[in-house]
Amino acid sequence: MIKEKNSLKNKIHIIGTGTIGEPLTSLLLNFKDELGLEQITFHKKTPLTSDRSKVITLLQRGAKLAVDADRKQDFQEIGIEPSLEAVEAIDNADVVIDCTPKGIGHSNKTQFYEHFVHNTKGFIAQGSENGFGKPYARGINDSALIPGEDRFLQVVSCNTHNLCVLVETVGGKDYNKNIKDGRFVCIRRSNDISQNSGFSPSPNVGIHKEPKYGTHHARDAVELFQTLGFDLNLHSSALKLNTQYMHSLWFSIILDEKITREEVIQRLKANDRVAMTEKTTANQVFSFGRDHGHYGRILNQTVVVTPTIQVRNGHEVIGFCFTPQDGNSLLSSVSAAMWFLNPNNYSKKIQCLGKYFFDEV
């Protein structure tokens, strides 16, 4: 039985408690007052005793749990008392952020979200849900968001964030005209440290499934820049390594203008979404995030390894960087949610997250 829509304002509902959903719920709880949120709810599908501790912790910190109607008793039997039914939570929410595994976001959109467009201001899905809505990355294509028209947004993947911020920053003010070619190799960590399955015991090279772009990373980046009216020449490859620390990314960006290494570094340092580092190993960067980030997460969109920056023939910029996976996606998810709530003031609201942006790692 769905209850009458509650009167609280600025309510956000997160679906999923995995590698994005749980830290996103935690982030919103920690900055609830600064962001002006009155209620944060989250949906957990399966009642597992192994997940009970994290669910109870989120409840103790003020979040409310929503479950499927036919799972309510199962949660009660393991000592967890839900506050809402899943459909009720969606209907009550001003913004819904879907953090479910690949494909489920699209299914939820068809089954639920499209029926709540009058009650809910916006729906957000993560990087795996290509086509869910307009692709978005904080600071890259904010100007492409149209209030009242864009109801569905897709926060692009962590590596796509990295790729896009490099294109925007290295290319300079007129990057859409300045960049002649961009090639990227996404050197992915195997599985997340929170996951028990999916570890790769050896380097595992990816297949180029996209005829023009190689992998989805460049395709997604091109589609994001297309929301600004730009059509860039980008290509990506990917491979997995047997590490759980961080993604790395190698890039080669060819510019029309001539540029020096010093100018490249100055452009990178000037962007507050870019962190620089002298560290050349992922474990050291990961450790810095663990010690100084928000629950171990750096919110910058990339961490560029300064000693690797090279300019070849005056036009080709080459280097390595690390991807703060799920950190940059968390930033864009919060930014998109706040845009739905207040498109005129959201940039100011999210400045409370600034202490988890680093000039240097």
Protein backbone atom coordinates (compact mmCIF):
# COMPACT_ATOMS: atom_id res chain seq x y z
CA MET A 1 0.00 0.00 0.00
CA ILE A 2 1.60 3.28 -1.10
CA LYS A 3 1.33 6.05 1.46
CA GLU A 4 0.49 9.65 0.66
CA LYS A 5 3.50 11.57 -0.66
CA ASN A 6 5.31 13.15 2.32
CA SER A 7 5.74 16.89 2.72
CA LEU A 8 9.52 16.96 3.15
CA LYS A 9 11.50 18.89 0.54
CA ASN A 10 14.67 18.00 -1.33
CA LYS A 11 14.41 14.24 -1.00
CA ILE A 12 16.95 12.01 -2.73
CA HIS A 13 16.52 8.28 -3.22
CA ILE A 14 19.49 6.04 -4.08
CA ILE A 15 18.90 2.63 -5.60
CA GLY A 16 21.64 0.11 -4.87
CA THR A 17 24.27 -0.25 -2.13
CA GLY A 18 27.27 -1.36 -4.22
CA THR A 19 30.49 0.40 -5.19
CA ILE A 20 28.63 3.61 -6.11
CA GLY A 21 25.40 3.42 -4.11
CA GLU A 22 26.85 2.96 -0.63
CA PRO A 23 29.53 5.70 -0.78
CA LEU A 24 27.05 8.04 -2.49
CA THR A 25 24.54 7.54 0.32
CA SER A 26 27.32 8.17 2.85
CA LEU A 27 28.44 11.32 1.06
CA LEU A 28 24.91 12.74 0.97
CA LEU A 29 24.40 11.93 4.65
CA ASN A 30 27.64 13.67 5.62
CA PHE A 31 26.74 16.82 3.67
CA LYS A 32 22.98 16.69 4.17
CA ASP A 33 22.74 20.10 5.84
CA GLU A 34 25.18 21.87 3.52
CA LEU A 35 23.33 20.53 0.47
CA GLY A 36 19.94 21.45 1.94
CA LEU A 37 18.54 17.91 1.90
CA GLU A 38 15.68 16.91 4.18
CA GLN A 39 15.48 13.19 3.47
CA ILE A 40 17.80 10.52 2.06
CA THR A 41 16.44 7.07 1.31
CA PHE A 42 18.11 4.06 -0.25
CA HIS A 43 16.89 0.81 -1.77
CA LYS A 44 18.41 -2.57 -0.94
CA LYS A 45 17.14 -5.48 -2.95
CA THR A 46 18.51 -8.57 -1.24
CA PRO A 47 18.45 -9.13 2.56
CA LEU A 48 21.94 -10.52 3.21
CA THR A 49 23.39 -10.93 6.68
CA SER A 50 26.81 -10.13 5.17
CA ASP A 51 25.45 -6.68 4.21
CA ARG A 52 23.54 -6.12 7.43
CA SER A 53 26.31 -4.09 9.07
CA LYS A 54 26.49 -1.46 6.32
CA VAL A 55 22.70 -1.15 6.12
CA ILE A 56 22.38 -0.66 9.88
CA THR A 57 25.19 1.92 9.84
CA LEU A 58 23.42 3.94 7.15
CA LEU A 59 20.17 3.76 9.12
CA GLN A 60 21.90 4.91 12.30
CA ARG A 61 23.23 7.92 10.42
CA GLY A 62 19.75 8.99 9.34
CA ALA A 63 19.02 7.32 6.00
CA LYS A 64 15.75 5.43 5.51
CA LEU A 65 15.60 1.98 3.93
CA ALA A 66 13.23 1.06 1.11
CA VAL A 67 12.70 -2.55 0.06
CA ASP A 68 10.51 -4.46 -2.35
CA ALA A 69 7.10 -5.24 -0.84
CA ASP A 70 7.68 -8.99 -1.00
CA ARG A 71 11.05 -8.70 0.79
CA LYS A 72 9.95 -6.69 3.83
CA GLN A 73 9.53 -9.72 6.10
CA ASP A 74 12.87 -11.16 4.96
CA PHE A 75 14.63 -7.97 6.09
CA GLN A 76 12.79 -8.01 9.40
CA GLU A 77 13.92 -11.59 9.99
CA ILE A 78 17.59 -10.51 9.86
CA GLY A 79 16.98 -7.61 12.22
CA ILE A 80 16.46 -4.75 9.77
CA GLU A 81 13.26 -2.69 9.79
CA PRO A 82 12.47 -1.02 6.43
CA SER A 83 10.75 2.39 6.41
CA LEU A 84 9.28 2.38 2.91
CA GLU A 85 8.37 0.17 0.01
CA ALA A 86 10.49 0.57 -3.12
CA VAL A 87 7.78 2.14 -5.27
CA GLU A 88 6.78 4.47 -2.45
CA ALA A 89 10.37 5.71 -2.14
CA ILE A 90 10.55 6.51 -5.86
CA ASP A 91 7.21 8.31 -5.73
CA ASN A 92 8.26 10.34 -2.68
CA ALA A 93 11.65 11.36 -4.07
CA ASP A 94 12.49 14.62 -5.79
CA VAL A 95 15.55 12.95 -7.37
CA VAL A 96 16.25 9.25 -7.93
CA ILE A 97 19.85 8.09 -8.43
CA ASP A 98 20.10 4.58 -9.85
CA CYS A 99 23.35 2.81 -8.92
CA THR A 100 22.40 -0.71 -9.96
CA PRO A 101 24.50 -3.08 -12.14
CA LYS A 102 24.54 -2.82 -15.94
CA GLY A 103 21.15 -3.04 -17.62
CA ILE A 104 19.00 -2.73 -14.51
CA GLY A 105 18.84 1.06 -14.77
CA HIS A 106 17.23 0.80 -18.21
CA SER A 107 14.80 -1.82 -16.91
CA ASN A 108 13.91 0.38 -13.93
CA LYS A 109 13.34 3.32 -16.26
CA THR A 110 10.83 1.37 -18.33
CA GLN A 111 9.15 -0.31 -15.38
CA PHE A 112 9.09 2.56 -12.88
CA TYR A 113 10.71 5.89 -13.69
CA GLU A 114 8.73 6.78 -16.79
CA HIS A 115 5.57 6.50 -14.68
CA PHE A 116 6.81 9.00 -12.07
CA VAL A 117 7.93 11.88 -14.28
CA HIS A 118 5.22 14.14 -12.86
CA ASN A 119 6.18 13.62 -9.21
CA THR A 120 9.96 13.38 -9.51
CA LYS A 121 12.16 16.14 -10.86
CA GLY A 122 14.86 13.90 -12.31
CA PHE A 123 16.39 10.45 -12.62
CA ILE A 124 20.12 9.70 -12.77
CA ALA A 125 21.84 6.49 -13.87
CA GLN A 126 25.51 5.53 -13.91
CA GLY A 127 28.10 4.95 -16.64
CA SER A 128 26.98 1.48 -17.72
CA GLU A 129 23.53 2.75 -18.75
CA ASN A 130 24.34 4.30 -22.12
CA GLY A 131 21.21 5.80 -23.65
CA PHE A 132 19.41 6.23 -20.30
CA GLY A 133 19.48 10.00 -20.73
CA LYS A 134 21.72 12.91 -21.58
CA PRO A 135 25.35 12.03 -20.70
CA TYR A 136 26.82 14.26 -18.00
CA ALA A 137 30.15 14.98 -16.30
CA ARG A 138 30.50 17.81 -13.80
CA GLY A 139 32.26 20.85 -15.23
CA ILE A 140 32.38 19.46 -18.76
CA ASN A 141 28.88 19.89 -20.19
CA ASP A 142 26.86 21.63 -17.47
CA SER A 143 25.85 24.27 -20.02
CA ALA A 144 24.10 21.57 -22.07
CA LEU A 145 21.62 20.77 -19.28
CA ILE A 146 18.17 22.23 -19.96
CA PRO A 147 15.90 22.87 -16.93
CA GLY A 148 12.44 21.38 -17.33
CA GLU A 149 13.45 19.40 -20.40
CA ASP A 150 16.21 17.04 -19.21
CA ARG A 151 14.58 14.60 -16.80
CA PHE A 152 16.95 11.68 -17.35
CA LEU A 153 20.74 11.99 -17.02
CA GLN A 154 23.52 9.41 -17.35
CA VAL A 155 26.64 10.09 -15.31
CA VAL A 156 29.42 8.79 -17.55
CA SER A 157 31.91 6.19 -16.34
CA CYS A 158 34.94 7.04 -14.22
CA ASN A 159 37.39 6.51 -17.10
CA THR A 160 35.21 8.58 -19.42
CA HIS A 161 35.37 11.40 -16.85
CA ASN A 162 39.15 11.13 -16.93
CA LEU A 163 39.29 11.11 -20.71
CA CYS A 164 36.93 14.10 -21.01
CA VAL A 165 38.70 16.32 -18.48
CA LEU A 166 42.02 15.68 -20.26
CA VAL A 167 40.49 16.66 -23.60
CA GLU A 168 38.92 19.80 -22.17
CA THR A 169 42.02 20.88 -20.25
CA VAL A 170 44.91 19.98 -22.54
CA GLY A 171 43.02 21.33 -25.55
CA GLY A 172 42.62 24.75 -24.00
CA LYS A 173 39.82 27.29 -24.33
CA ASP A 174 38.88 26.28 -27.88
CA TYR A 175 39.56 22.56 -27.41
CA ASN A 176 36.80 21.62 -29.84
CA LYS A 177 38.78 23.27 -32.63
CA ASN A 178 42.27 22.68 -31.26
CA ILE A 179 42.19 18.90 -30.84
CA LYS A 180 42.97 17.03 -34.02
CA ASP A 181 43.19 13.55 -32.52
CA GLY A 182 42.95 11.91 -29.12
CA ARG A 183 44.00 8.34 -28.31
CA PHE A 184 43.59 6.73 -24.92
CA VAL A 185 44.44 3.38 -23.33
CA CYS A 186 42.34 2.67 -20.24
CA ILE A 187 44.43 0.39 -18.04
CA ARG A 188 41.70 -0.85 -15.73
CA ARG A 189 42.02 -2.31 -12.28
CA SER A 190 40.50 -5.77 -12.11
CA ASN A 191 37.65 -5.81 -9.59
CA ASP A 192 36.92 -3.33 -6.83
CA ILE A 193 38.35 -4.11 -3.39
CA SER A 194 34.76 -4.47 -2.14
CA GLN A 195 33.99 -7.21 -4.68
CA ASN A 196 34.67 -10.92 -4.23
CA SER A 197 34.34 -11.95 -7.86
CA GLY A 198 35.73 -10.81 -11.19
CA PHE A 199 39.42 -10.69 -10.36
CA SER A 200 41.65 -11.13 -13.40
CA PRO A 201 44.76 -13.26 -12.71
CA SER A 202 46.71 -11.76 -15.61
CA PRO A 203 46.57 -8.85 -18.09
CA ASN A 204 43.34 -9.14 -20.07
CA VAL A 205 43.16 -7.08 -23.26
CA GLY A 206 39.84 -5.63 -24.36
CA ILE A 207 38.18 -6.01 -27.74
CA HIS A 208 37.48 -3.00 -29.94
CA LYS A 209 33.70 -3.34 -30.20
CA GLU A 210 33.11 0.21 -31.41
CA PRO A 211 34.07 0.44 -35.14
CA LYS A 212 34.91 4.14 -34.97
CA TYR A 213 35.85 4.70 -31.34
CA GLY A 214 37.39 1.40 -30.17
CA THR A 215 35.79 1.01 -26.73
CA HIS A 216 32.80 2.65 -25.09
CA HIS A 217 35.04 5.13 -23.24
CA ALA A 218 35.80 7.23 -26.34
CA ARG A 219 32.28 6.71 -27.70
CA ASP A 220 30.76 7.98 -24.47
CA ALA A 221 33.16 10.94 -24.42
CA VAL A 222 32.25 11.87 -27.99
CA GLU A 223 28.55 11.64 -27.15
CA LEU A 224 29.06 13.85 -24.11
CA PHE A 225 30.86 16.50 -26.15
CA GLN A 226 28.13 16.27 -28.78
CA THR A 227 25.71 17.70 -26.20
CA LEU A 228 27.78 20.88 -26.59
CA GLY A 229 27.66 20.71 -30.37
CA PHE A 230 31.22 19.37 -30.74
CA ASP A 231 32.27 16.29 -32.71
CA LEU A 232 35.75 15.20 -31.63
CA ASN A 233 38.12 12.64 -33.12
CA LEU A 234 38.75 10.27 -30.20
CA HIS A 235 39.69 6.58 -29.89
CA SER A 236 40.16 4.35 -26.86
CA SER A 237 41.45 0.89 -26.00
CA ALA A 238 41.18 -0.95 -22.70
CA LEU A 239 42.79 -3.74 -20.74
CA LYS A 240 42.51 -5.13 -17.24
CA LEU A 241 45.47 -5.69 -14.95
CA ASN A 242 45.63 -7.98 -11.95
CA THR A 243 45.42 -5.17 -9.38
CA GLN A 244 42.60 -3.84 -7.21
CA TYR A 245 44.03 -0.39 -6.62
CA MET A 246 43.09 2.09 -9.36
CA HIS A 247 42.52 2.52 -13.05
CA SER A 248 45.36 4.13 -15.00
CA LEU A 249 45.12 5.90 -18.34
CA TRP A 250 47.67 6.58 -21.07
CA PHE A 251 46.87 9.43 -23.44
CA SER A 252 48.12 10.95 -26.66
CA ILE A 253 46.40 14.20 -27.65
CA ILE A 254 47.43 15.92 -30.86
CA LEU A 255 46.77 19.66 -30.97
CA ASP A 256 46.51 22.00 -33.92
CA GLU A 257 48.40 24.69 -32.01
CA LYS A 258 51.99 24.39 -30.94
CA ILE A 259 52.50 23.96 -27.20
CA THR A 260 55.28 23.40 -24.66
CA ARG A 261 55.41 20.96 -21.77
CA GLU A 262 55.34 23.85 -19.31
CA GLU A 263 52.17 25.23 -20.90
CA VAL A 264 50.49 21.82 -20.69
CA ILE A 265 51.32 21.52 -17.00
CA GLN A 266 50.04 25.04 -16.33
CA ARG A 267 46.72 24.21 -18.01
CA LEU A 268 46.38 21.06 -15.93
CA LYS A 269 47.23 22.84 -12.68
CA ALA A 270 44.68 25.57 -13.41
CA ASN A 271 41.77 23.12 -13.48
CA ASP A 272 40.51 22.36 -9.95
CA ARG A 273 39.07 19.03 -11.17
CA VAL A 274 42.61 17.90 -12.04
CA ALA A 275 45.08 16.77 -9.39
CA MET A 276 48.81 16.51 -10.11
CA THR A 277 51.21 14.04 -8.57
CA GLU A 278 54.88 13.14 -8.57
CA LYS A 279 53.92 9.60 -7.55
CA THR A 280 54.28 7.00 -10.29
CA THR A 281 52.54 4.03 -8.68
CA ALA A 282 48.82 3.47 -8.21
CA ASN A 283 49.26 2.09 -4.70
CA GLN A 284 50.75 5.37 -3.46
CA VAL A 285 47.96 7.44 -5.00
CA PHE A 286 45.36 5.00 -3.66
CA SER A 287 46.94 5.24 -0.21
CA PHE A 288 46.74 9.06 -0.31
CA GLY A 289 43.03 8.79 -1.10
CA ARG A 290 42.55 6.31 1.74
CA ASP A 291 44.22 8.70 4.19
CA HIS A 292 42.85 12.04 2.99
CA GLY A 293 39.81 11.44 0.78
CA HIS A 294 36.15 11.07 1.67
CA TYR A 295 35.95 7.47 2.87
CA GLY A 296 39.11 6.92 0.84
CA ARG A 297 37.85 8.63 -2.31
CA ILE A 298 39.46 11.48 -4.21
CA LEU A 299 36.76 13.56 -5.93
CA ASN A 300 39.03 15.00 -8.65
CA GLN A 301 38.31 13.67 -12.11
CA THR A 302 41.90 12.67 -12.77
CA VAL A 303 45.31 12.50 -11.09
CA VAL A 304 47.95 13.35 -13.69
CA VAL A 305 51.47 12.01 -13.20
CA THR A 306 53.60 15.09 -13.80
CA PRO A 307 56.93 13.34 -14.64
CA THR A 308 55.23 11.44 -17.49
CA ILE A 309 54.05 14.53 -19.36
CA GLN A 310 55.84 14.83 -22.68
CA VAL A 311 55.28 17.05 -25.70
CA ARG A 312 56.38 15.44 -28.95
CA ASN A 313 57.06 17.50 -32.09
CA GLY A 314 55.45 20.53 -30.46
CA HIS A 315 51.90 19.25 -30.99
CA GLU A 316 51.44 15.82 -29.40
CA VAL A 317 50.85 15.72 -25.64
CA ILE A 318 51.58 12.31 -24.07
CA GLY A 319 51.32 11.12 -20.49
CA PHE A 320 49.87 8.87 -17.82
CA CYS A 321 47.27 9.56 -15.17
CA PHE A 322 45.24 7.69 -12.56
CA THR A 323 41.46 7.53 -12.44
CA PRO A 324 39.82 8.14 -9.03
CA GLN A 325 37.20 5.55 -9.88
CA ASP A 326 33.80 6.17 -8.35
CA GLY A 327 35.16 9.40 -6.82
CA ASN A 328 34.59 11.42 -9.99
CA SER A 329 31.27 9.64 -10.57
CA LEU A 330 30.18 10.55 -7.03
CA LEU A 331 30.91 14.21 -7.73
CA SER A 332 28.86 14.22 -10.93
CA SER A 333 26.01 12.29 -9.29
CA VAL A 334 25.75 14.83 -6.48
CA SER A 335 26.07 17.71 -8.94
CA ALA A 336 23.34 16.31 -11.20
CA ALA A 337 21.03 15.74 -8.23
CA MET A 338 21.52 19.28 -6.98
CA TRP A 339 20.94 20.62 -10.50
CA PHE A 340 17.56 18.90 -10.57
CA LEU A 341 16.71 20.43 -7.19
CA ASN A 342 17.91 23.94 -8.01
CA PRO A 343 19.43 24.55 -11.45
CA ASN A 344 20.24 28.17 -10.58
CA ASN A 345 22.16 27.51 -7.38
CA TYR A 346 23.58 23.99 -7.60
CA SER A 347 27.18 25.00 -8.34
CA LYS A 348 27.32 27.03 -5.16
CA LYS A 349 25.76 24.23 -3.12
CA ILE A 350 28.31 21.60 -4.08
CA GLN A 351 31.27 23.76 -3.09
CA CYS A 352 30.99 22.11 0.33
CA LEU A 353 32.75 19.12 -1.26
CA GLY A 354 35.81 21.23 -2.05
CA LYS A 355 38.02 19.86 0.71
CA TYR A 356 38.12 16.51 -1.09
CA PHE A 357 39.62 18.09 -4.21
CA PHE A 358 43.38 18.19 -4.22
CA ASP A 359 45.81 20.30 -6.23
CA GLU A 360 48.50 17.74 -5.54
CA VAL A 361 48.39 14.09 -4.49
